Amino acid sequence: LIFGAVYAFGGEFIFGILSDDAEV
């Protein structure tokens, strides 16, 4: 439950850390 909530609200932030490719 905790991980699901973190990914729902913070997933796009994590993507920004992992890549600077806007399209990806």
PDB file of all heavy atoms in Angstrom:
ATOM      1  N   LEU A   1       0.829  -1.209   0.000  1.00  0.00           N
ATOM      2  CA  LEU A   1       0.000   0.000   0.000  1.00  0.00           C
ATOM      3  C   LEU A   1       0.861   1.256   0.000  1.00  0.00           C
ATOM      4  O   LEU A   1       0.570   2.226  -0.722  1.00  0.00           O
ATOM      5  CB  LEU A   1      -0.925  -0.005   1.217  1.00  0.00           C
ATOM      6  CG  LEU A   1      -2.048  -1.049   1.239  1.00  0.00           C
ATOM      7  CD1 LEU A   1      -2.817  -0.963   2.552  1.00  0.00           C
ATOM      8  CD2 LEU A   1      -2.995  -0.848   0.052  1.00  0.00           C
ATOM      9  N   ILE A   2       1.914   1.258   0.805  1.00  0.00           N
ATOM     10  CA  ILE A   2       2.795   2.433   0.897  1.00  0.00           C
ATOM     11  C   ILE A   2       3.500   2.678  -0.433  1.00  0.00           C
ATOM     12  O   ILE A   2       3.530   3.811  -0.941  1.00  0.00           O
ATOM     13  CB  ILE A   2       3.802   2.251   2.036  1.00  0.00           C
ATOM     14  CG1 ILE A   2       3.085   2.221   3.386  1.00  0.00           C
ATOM     15  CG2 ILE A   2       4.855   3.363   2.005  1.00  0.00           C
ATOM     16  CD1 ILE A   2       3.971   1.849   4.550  1.00  0.00           C
ATOM     17  N   PHE A   3       4.062   1.628  -1.017  1.00  0.00           N
ATOM     18  CA  PHE A   3       4.781   1.793  -2.284  1.00  0.00           C
ATOM     19  C   PHE A   3       3.841   2.230  -3.399  1.00  0.00           C
ATOM     20  O   PHE A   3       4.200   3.065  -4.239  1.00  0.00           O
ATOM     21  CB  PHE A   3       5.486   0.490  -2.669  1.00  0.00           C
ATOM     22  CG  PHE A   3       6.893   0.403  -2.172  1.00  0.00           C
ATOM     23  CD1 PHE A   3       7.163  -0.071  -0.900  1.00  0.00           C
ATOM     24  CD2 PHE A   3       7.959   0.798  -2.969  1.00  0.00           C
ATOM     25  CE1 PHE A   3       8.459  -0.151  -0.426  1.00  0.00           C
ATOM     26  CE2 PHE A   3       9.256   0.729  -2.505  1.00  0.00           C
ATOM     27  CZ  PHE A   3       9.518   0.244  -1.235  1.00  0.00           C
ATOM     28  N   GLY A   4       2.640   1.664  -3.431  1.00  0.00           N
ATOM     29  CA  GLY A   4       1.689   2.073  -4.452  1.00  0.00           C
ATOM     30  C   GLY A   4       1.362   3.549  -4.369  1.00  0.00           C
ATOM     31  O   GLY A   4       1.279   4.242  -5.388  1.00  0.00           O
ATOM     32  N   ALA A   5       1.189   4.061  -3.151  1.00  0.00           N
ATOM     33  CA  ALA A   5       0.893   5.483  -2.967  1.00  0.00           C
ATOM     34  C   ALA A   5       2.072   6.359  -3.389  1.00  0.00           C
ATOM     35  O   ALA A   5       1.891   7.400  -4.043  1.00  0.00           O
ATOM     36  CB  ALA A   5       0.537   5.751  -1.501  1.00  0.00           C
ATOM     37  N   VAL A   6       3.287   5.933  -3.035  1.00  0.00           N
ATOM     38  CA  VAL A   6       4.485   6.703  -3.417  1.00  0.00           C
ATOM     39  C   VAL A   6       4.615   6.769  -4.933  1.00  0.00           C
ATOM     40  O   VAL A   6       4.906   7.836  -5.499  1.00  0.00           O
ATOM     41  CB  VAL A   6       5.746   6.079  -2.793  1.00  0.00           C
ATOM     42  CG1 VAL A   6       7.009   6.690  -3.377  1.00  0.00           C
ATOM     43  CG2 VAL A   6       5.731   6.254  -1.271  1.00  0.00           C
ATOM     44  N   TYR A   7       4.394   5.663  -5.610  1.00  0.00           N
ATOM     45  CA  TYR A   7       4.519   5.656  -7.066  1.00  0.00           C
ATOM     46  C   TYR A   7       3.413   6.473  -7.731  1.00  0.00           C
ATOM     47  O   TYR A   7       3.646   7.132  -8.752  1.00  0.00           O
ATOM     48  CB  TYR A   7       4.484   4.219  -7.589  1.00  0.00           C
ATOM     49  CG  TYR A   7       5.711   3.411  -7.236  1.00  0.00           C
ATOM     50  CD1 TYR A   7       5.717   2.026  -7.380  1.00  0.00           C
ATOM     51  CD2 TYR A   7       6.878   4.014  -6.756  1.00  0.00           C
ATOM     52  CE1 TYR A   7       6.838   1.268  -7.063  1.00  0.00           C
ATOM     53  CE2 TYR A   7       7.996   3.277  -6.435  1.00  0.00           C
ATOM     54  CZ  TYR A   7       7.971   1.898  -6.586  1.00  0.00           C
ATOM     55  OH  TYR A   7       9.077   1.159  -6.277  1.00  0.00           O
ATOM     56  N   ALA A   8       2.212   6.437  -7.158  1.00  0.00           N
ATOM     57  CA  ALA A   8       1.101   7.188  -7.746  1.00  0.00           C
ATOM     58  C   ALA A   8       1.371   8.691  -7.713  1.00  0.00           C
ATOM     59  O   ALA A   8       1.087   9.404  -8.681  1.00  0.00           O
ATOM     60  CB  ALA A   8      -0.196   6.864  -7.004  1.00  0.00           C
ATOM     61  N   PHE A   9       1.932   9.175  -6.596  1.00  0.00           N
ATOM     62  CA  PHE A   9       2.125  10.620  -6.447  1.00  0.00           C
ATOM     63  C   PHE A   9       3.541  11.080  -6.793  1.00  0.00           C
ATOM     64  O   PHE A   9       3.752  12.270  -7.044  1.00  0.00           O
ATOM     65  CB  PHE A   9       1.794  11.045  -5.008  1.00  0.00           C
ATOM     66  CG  PHE A   9       0.350  10.856  -4.644  1.00  0.00           C
ATOM     67  CD1 PHE A   9      -0.063   9.783  -3.868  1.00  0.00           C
ATOM     68  CD2 PHE A   9      -0.613  11.741  -5.105  1.00  0.00           C
ATOM     69  CE1 PHE A   9      -1.404   9.598  -3.534  1.00  0.00           C
ATOM     70  CE2 PHE A   9      -1.946  11.578  -4.785  1.00  0.00           C
ATOM     71  CZ  PHE A   9      -2.350  10.500  -3.996  1.00  0.00           C
ATOM     72  N   GLY A  10       4.511  10.153  -6.813  1.00  0.00           N
ATOM     73  CA  GLY A  10       5.892  10.565  -7.057  1.00  0.00           C
ATOM     74  C   GLY A  10       6.568   9.906  -8.222  1.00  0.00           C
ATOM     75  O   GLY A  10       7.779  10.106  -8.438  1.00  0.00           O
ATOM     76  N   GLY A  11       5.825   9.125  -9.000  1.00  0.00           N
ATOM     77  CA  GLY A  11       6.431   8.395 -10.109  1.00  0.00           C
ATOM     78  C   GLY A  11       7.074   9.289 -11.147  1.00  0.00           C
ATOM     79  O   GLY A  11       8.200   9.039 -11.597  1.00  0.00           O
ATOM     80  N   GLU A  12       6.390  10.357 -11.527  1.00  0.00           N
ATOM     81  CA  GLU A  12       6.930  11.242 -12.562  1.00  0.00           C
ATOM     82  C   GLU A  12       8.165  11.987 -12.054  1.00  0.00           C
ATOM     83  O   GLU A  12       9.081  12.281 -12.837  1.00  0.00           O
ATOM     84  CB  GLU A  12       5.850  12.221 -13.019  1.00  0.00           C
ATOM     85  CG  GLU A  12       4.693  11.519 -13.739  1.00  0.00           C
ATOM     86  CD  GLU A  12       3.714  12.503 -14.358  1.00  0.00           C
ATOM     87  OE1 GLU A  12       4.012  13.714 -14.347  1.00  0.00           O
ATOM     88  OE2 GLU A  12       2.664  12.058 -14.850  1.00  0.00           O
ATOM     89  N   PHE A  13       8.207  12.290 -10.774  1.00  0.00           N
ATOM     90  CA  PHE A  13       9.402  12.916 -10.195  1.00  0.00           C
ATOM     91  C   PHE A  13      10.596  11.967 -10.302  1.00  0.00           C
ATOM     92  O   PHE A  13      11.716  12.384 -10.640  1.00  0.00           O
ATOM     93  CB  PHE A  13       9.145  13.284  -8.737  1.00  0.00           C
ATOM     94  CG  PHE A  13      10.358  13.787  -8.009  1.00  0.00           C
ATOM     95  CD1 PHE A  13      10.826  15.072  -8.215  1.00  0.00           C
ATOM     96  CD2 PHE A  13      11.039  12.960  -7.124  1.00  0.00           C
ATOM     97  CE1 PHE A  13      11.948  15.540  -7.554  1.00  0.00           C
ATOM     98  CE2 PHE A  13      12.159  13.414  -6.451  1.00  0.00           C
ATOM     99  CZ  PHE A  13      12.625  14.704  -6.670  1.00  0.00           C
ATOM    100  N   ILE A  14      10.362  10.671 -10.042  1.00  0.00           N
ATOM    101  CA  ILE A  14      11.434   9.684 -10.152  1.00  0.00           C
ATOM    102  C   ILE A  14      11.915   9.582 -11.598  1.00  0.00           C
ATOM    103  O   ILE A  14      13.124   9.490 -11.858  1.00  0.00           O
ATOM    104  CB  ILE A  14      10.958   8.319  -9.638  1.00  0.00           C
ATOM    105  CG1 ILE A  14      10.601   8.406  -8.152  1.00  0.00           C
ATOM    106  CG2 ILE A  14      12.036   7.245  -9.848  1.00  0.00           C
ATOM    107  CD1 ILE A  14       9.963   7.142  -7.582  1.00  0.00           C
ATOM    108  N   PHE A  15      10.991   9.618 -12.559  1.00  0.00           N
ATOM    109  CA  PHE A  15      11.385   9.582 -13.961  1.00  0.00           C
ATOM    110  C   PHE A  15      12.313  10.751 -14.303  1.00  0.00           C
ATOM    111  O   PHE A  15      13.263  10.614 -15.078  1.00  0.00           O
ATOM    112  CB  PHE A  15      10.153   9.640 -14.869  1.00  0.00           C
ATOM    113  CG  PHE A  15       9.241   8.453 -14.745  1.00  0.00           C
ATOM    114  CD1 PHE A  15       7.897   8.567 -15.080  1.00  0.00           C
ATOM    115  CD2 PHE A  15       9.709   7.233 -14.286  1.00  0.00           C
ATOM    116  CE1 PHE A  15       7.044   7.482 -14.971  1.00  0.00           C
ATOM    117  CE2 PHE A  15       8.857   6.138 -14.164  1.00  0.00           C
ATOM    118  CZ  PHE A  15       7.527   6.269 -14.511  1.00  0.00           C
ATOM    119  N   GLY A  16      12.019  11.922 -13.735  1.00  0.00           N
ATOM    120  CA  GLY A  16      12.847  13.095 -13.993  1.00  0.00           C
ATOM    121  C   GLY A  16      14.264  12.942 -13.479  1.00  0.00           C
ATOM    122  O   GLY A  16      15.210  13.490 -14.051  1.00  0.00           O
ATOM    123  N   ILE A  17      14.420  12.199 -12.374  1.00  0.00           N
ATOM    124  CA  ILE A  17      15.757  11.941 -11.837  1.00  0.00           C
ATOM    125  C   ILE A  17      16.527  10.989 -12.749  1.00  0.00           C
ATOM    126  O   ILE A  17      17.732  11.146 -12.977  1.00  0.00           O
ATOM    127  CB  ILE A  17      15.660  11.354 -10.414  1.00  0.00           C
ATOM    128  CG1 ILE A  17      15.050  12.382  -9.459  1.00  0.00           C
ATOM    129  CG2 ILE A  17      17.036  10.905  -9.903  1.00  0.00           C
ATOM    130  CD1 ILE A  17      14.791  11.840  -8.065  1.00  0.00           C
ATOM    131  N   LEU A  18      15.808  10.014 -13.314  1.00  0.00           N
ATOM    132  CA  LEU A  18      16.462   8.971 -14.089  1.00  0.00           C
ATOM    133  C   LEU A  18      16.808   9.385 -15.512  1.00  0.00           C
ATOM    134  O   LEU A  18      17.734   8.825 -16.104  1.00  0.00           O
ATOM    135  CB  LEU A  18      15.563   7.726 -14.137  1.00  0.00           C
ATOM    136  CG  LEU A  18      15.322   7.010 -12.801  1.00  0.00           C
ATOM    137  CD1 LEU A  18      14.354   5.854 -12.994  1.00  0.00           C
ATOM    138  CD2 LEU A  18      16.624   6.512 -12.212  1.00  0.00           C
ATOM    139  N   SER A  19      16.081  10.336 -16.072  1.00  0.00           N
ATOM    140  CA  SER A  19      16.342  10.705 -17.469  1.00  0.00           C
ATOM    141  C   SER A  19      15.968  12.155 -17.731  1.00  0.00           C
ATOM    142  O   SER A  19      14.991  12.662 -17.173  1.00  0.00           O
ATOM    143  CB  SER A  19      15.539   9.788 -18.404  1.00  0.00           C
ATOM    144  OG  SER A  19      15.693  10.183 -19.758  1.00  0.00           O
ATOM    145  N   ASP A  20      16.742  12.815 -18.585  1.00  0.00           N
ATOM    146  CA  ASP A  20      16.393  14.172 -19.007  1.00  0.00           C
ATOM    147  C   ASP A  20      15.783  14.180 -20.406  1.00  0.00           C
ATOM    148  O   ASP A  20      15.618  15.238 -21.013  1.00  0.00           O
ATOM    149  CB  ASP A  20      17.621  15.098 -18.955  1.00  0.00           C
ATOM    150  CG  ASP A  20      18.790  14.590 -19.792  1.00  0.00           C
ATOM    151  OD1 ASP A  20      18.620  13.578 -20.504  1.00  0.00           O
ATOM    152  OD2 ASP A  20      19.875  15.202 -19.726  1.00  0.00           O
ATOM    153  N   ASP A  21      15.463  13.006 -20.926  1.00  0.00           N
ATOM    154  CA  ASP A  21      14.804  12.884 -22.229  1.00  0.00           C
ATOM    155  C   ASP A  21      13.301  13.063 -22.022  1.00  0.00           C
ATOM    156  O   ASP A  21      12.620  12.177 -21.498  1.00  0.00           O
ATOM    157  CB  ASP A  21      15.108  11.515 -22.850  1.00  0.00           C
ATOM    158  CG  ASP A  21      14.635  11.416 -24.296  1.00  0.00           C
ATOM    159  OD1 ASP A  21      13.502  11.838 -24.586  1.00  0.00           O
ATOM    160  OD2 ASP A  21      15.404  10.899 -25.133  1.00  0.00           O
ATOM    161  N   ALA A  22      12.767  14.213 -22.430  1.00  0.00           N
ATOM    162  CA  ALA A  22      11.361  14.543 -22.180  1.00  0.00           C
ATOM    163  C   ALA A  22      10.420  13.553 -22.853  1.00  0.00           C
ATOM    164  O   ALA A  22       9.367  13.203 -22.295  1.00  0.00           O
ATOM    165  CB  ALA A  22      11.065  15.962 -22.667  1.00  0.00           C
ATOM    166  N   GLU A  23      10.772  13.090 -24.036  1.00  0.00           N
ATOM    167  CA  GLU A  23       9.888  12.166 -24.751  1.00  0.00           C
ATOM    168  C   GLU A  23       9.803  10.818 -24.028  1.00  0.00           C
ATOM    169  O   GLU A  23       8.716  10.244 -23.889  1.00  0.00           O
ATOM    170  CB  GLU A  23      10.393  11.954 -26.184  1.00  0.00           C
ATOM    171  CG  GLU A  23       9.457  11.082 -27.018  1.00  0.00           C
ATOM    172  CD  GLU A  23       9.893  10.999 -28.475  1.00  0.00           C
ATOM    173  OE1 GLU A  23      10.895  11.649 -28.837  1.00  0.00           O
ATOM    174  OE2 GLU A  23       9.219  10.286 -29.245  1.00  0.00           O
ATOM    175  N   VAL A  24      10.947  10.321 -23.553  1.00  0.00           N
ATOM    176  CA  VAL A  24      10.956   9.050 -22.820  1.00  0.00           C
ATOM    177  C   VAL A  24      10.145   9.176 -21.534  1.00  0.00           C
ATOM    178  O   VAL A  24       9.362   8.283 -21.176  1.00  0.00           O
ATOM    179  CB  VAL A  24      12.402   8.603 -22.517  1.00  0.00           C
ATOM    180  CG1 VAL A  24      12.412   7.409 -21.561  1.00  0.00           C
ATOM    181  CG2 VAL A  24      13.131   8.257 -23.805  1.00  0.00           C
TER     182      VAL A  24
END
